[in-house]
Amino acid sequence: MSKIKFTDTYFSEYGTYFMYPTCSASVKTLEGKQITIKGYFLEVVSKENIYMLSKGPM
């Protein structure tokens, strides 16, 4: 995940900026492959099923 860079990108359909991911070549080679990621599964908004994976516990 550290090989993914995020930049503020404007989305006209929403009228605001969002963090947009850009993957390195090494990450792109994983496309379509099954991988295991270790981390902490955190609820952001449980009613809307919004979650995130974190490097450490919060």
C-alpha atoms as a PDB file:
ATOM      1  CA  MET A   1       0.000   0.000   0.000  1.00  0.00           C
ATOM      2  CA  SER A   2       2.950   2.346   0.491  1.00  0.00           C
ATOM      3  CA  LYS A   3       3.555   2.140  -3.277  1.00  0.00           C
ATOM      4  CA  ILE A   4       0.260   3.932  -3.957  1.00  0.00           C
ATOM      5  CA  LYS A   5       0.440   7.719  -4.167  1.00  0.00           C
ATOM      6  CA  PHE A   6      -2.580   9.963  -3.730  1.00  0.00           C
ATOM      7  CA  THR A   7      -3.125  13.386  -5.280  1.00  0.00           C
ATOM      8  CA  ASP A   8      -5.954  15.877  -4.855  1.00  0.00           C
ATOM      9  CA  THR A   9      -7.978  15.628  -8.047  1.00  0.00           C
ATOM     10  CA  TYR A  10     -10.999  17.755  -8.927  1.00  0.00           C
ATOM     11  CA  PHE A  11     -14.158  15.883  -9.945  1.00  0.00           C
ATOM     12  CA  SER A  12     -16.553  18.262 -11.722  1.00  0.00           C
ATOM     13  CA  GLU A  13     -19.541  15.922 -11.308  1.00  0.00           C
ATOM     14  CA  TYR A  14     -19.229  16.385  -7.512  1.00  0.00           C
ATOM     15  CA  GLY A  15     -17.826  19.918  -7.560  1.00  0.00           C
ATOM     16  CA  THR A  16     -15.011  19.061  -5.175  1.00  0.00           C
ATOM     17  CA  TYR A  17     -11.595  17.452  -4.785  1.00  0.00           C
ATOM     18  CA  PHE A  18     -10.964  13.853  -3.770  1.00  0.00           C
ATOM     19  CA  MET A  19      -7.770  11.919  -3.117  1.00  0.00           C
ATOM     20  CA  TYR A  20      -7.069   9.971  -6.342  1.00  0.00           C
ATOM     21  CA  PRO A  21      -4.754   6.928  -6.241  1.00  0.00           C
ATOM     22  CA  THR A  22      -1.884   6.332  -8.666  1.00  0.00           C
ATOM     23  CA  CYS A  23      -0.335   2.862  -8.490  1.00  0.00           C
ATOM     24  CA  SER A  24       3.318   2.125  -9.130  1.00  0.00           C
ATOM     25  CA  ALA A  25       4.346  -0.467 -11.728  1.00  0.00           C
ATOM     26  CA  SER A  26       5.046  -3.023  -8.967  1.00  0.00           C
ATOM     27  CA  VAL A  27       1.485  -2.650  -7.657  1.00  0.00           C
ATOM     28  CA  LYS A  28       0.002  -2.934 -11.149  1.00  0.00           C
ATOM     29  CA  THR A  29       1.706  -6.324 -11.599  1.00  0.00           C
ATOM     30  CA  LEU A  30      -0.557  -7.625  -8.797  1.00  0.00           C
ATOM     31  CA  GLU A  31      -3.741  -6.915 -10.753  1.00  0.00           C
ATOM     32  CA  GLY A  32      -5.923 -10.012 -10.953  1.00  0.00           C
ATOM     33  CA  LYS A  33      -3.826 -11.880  -8.379  1.00  0.00           C
ATOM     34  CA  GLN A  34      -4.957 -12.956  -4.937  1.00  0.00           C
ATOM     35  CA  ILE A  35      -2.862 -11.322  -2.219  1.00  0.00           C
ATOM     36  CA  THR A  36      -2.909 -11.120   1.584  1.00  0.00           C
ATOM     37  CA  ILE A  37      -2.819  -7.756   3.317  1.00  0.00           C
ATOM     38  CA  LYS A  38      -2.216  -7.461   7.055  1.00  0.00           C
ATOM     39  CA  GLY A  39      -3.730  -4.564   8.928  1.00  0.00           C
ATOM     40  CA  TYR A  40      -6.623  -3.372  11.034  1.00  0.00           C
ATOM     41  CA  PHE A  41     -10.186  -3.286   9.716  1.00  0.00           C
ATOM     42  CA  LEU A  42     -11.844  -0.089  10.958  1.00  0.00           C
ATOM     43  CA  GLU A  43     -15.474   0.989  10.740  1.00  0.00           C
ATOM     44  CA  VAL A  44     -15.847   4.525   9.406  1.00  0.00           C
ATOM     45  CA  VAL A  45     -19.634   4.644   8.984  1.00  0.00           C
ATOM     46  CA  SER A  46     -21.090   1.246   9.859  1.00  0.00           C
ATOM     47  CA  LYS A  47     -24.668   2.160   8.825  1.00  0.00           C
ATOM     48  CA  GLU A  48     -23.427   2.885   5.296  1.00  0.00           C
ATOM     49  CA  ASN A  49     -20.942  -0.023   5.181  1.00  0.00           C
ATOM     50  CA  ILE A  50     -17.924   2.278   4.881  1.00  0.00           C
ATOM     51  CA  TYR A  51     -14.722   0.711   6.202  1.00  0.00           C
ATOM     52  CA  MET A  52     -10.981   1.176   5.839  1.00  0.00           C
ATOM     53  CA  LEU A  53      -7.831  -0.827   6.299  1.00  0.00           C
ATOM     54  CA  SER A  54      -5.286   0.767   8.623  1.00  0.00           C
ATOM     55  CA  LYS A  55      -1.602   0.104   9.303  1.00  0.00           C
ATOM     56  CA  GLY A  56      -2.251   0.460  13.034  1.00  0.00           C
ATOM     57  CA  PRO A  57      -5.179   0.352  15.458  1.00  0.00           C
ATOM     58  CA  MET A  58      -7.073   3.531  16.240  1.00  0.00           C
END
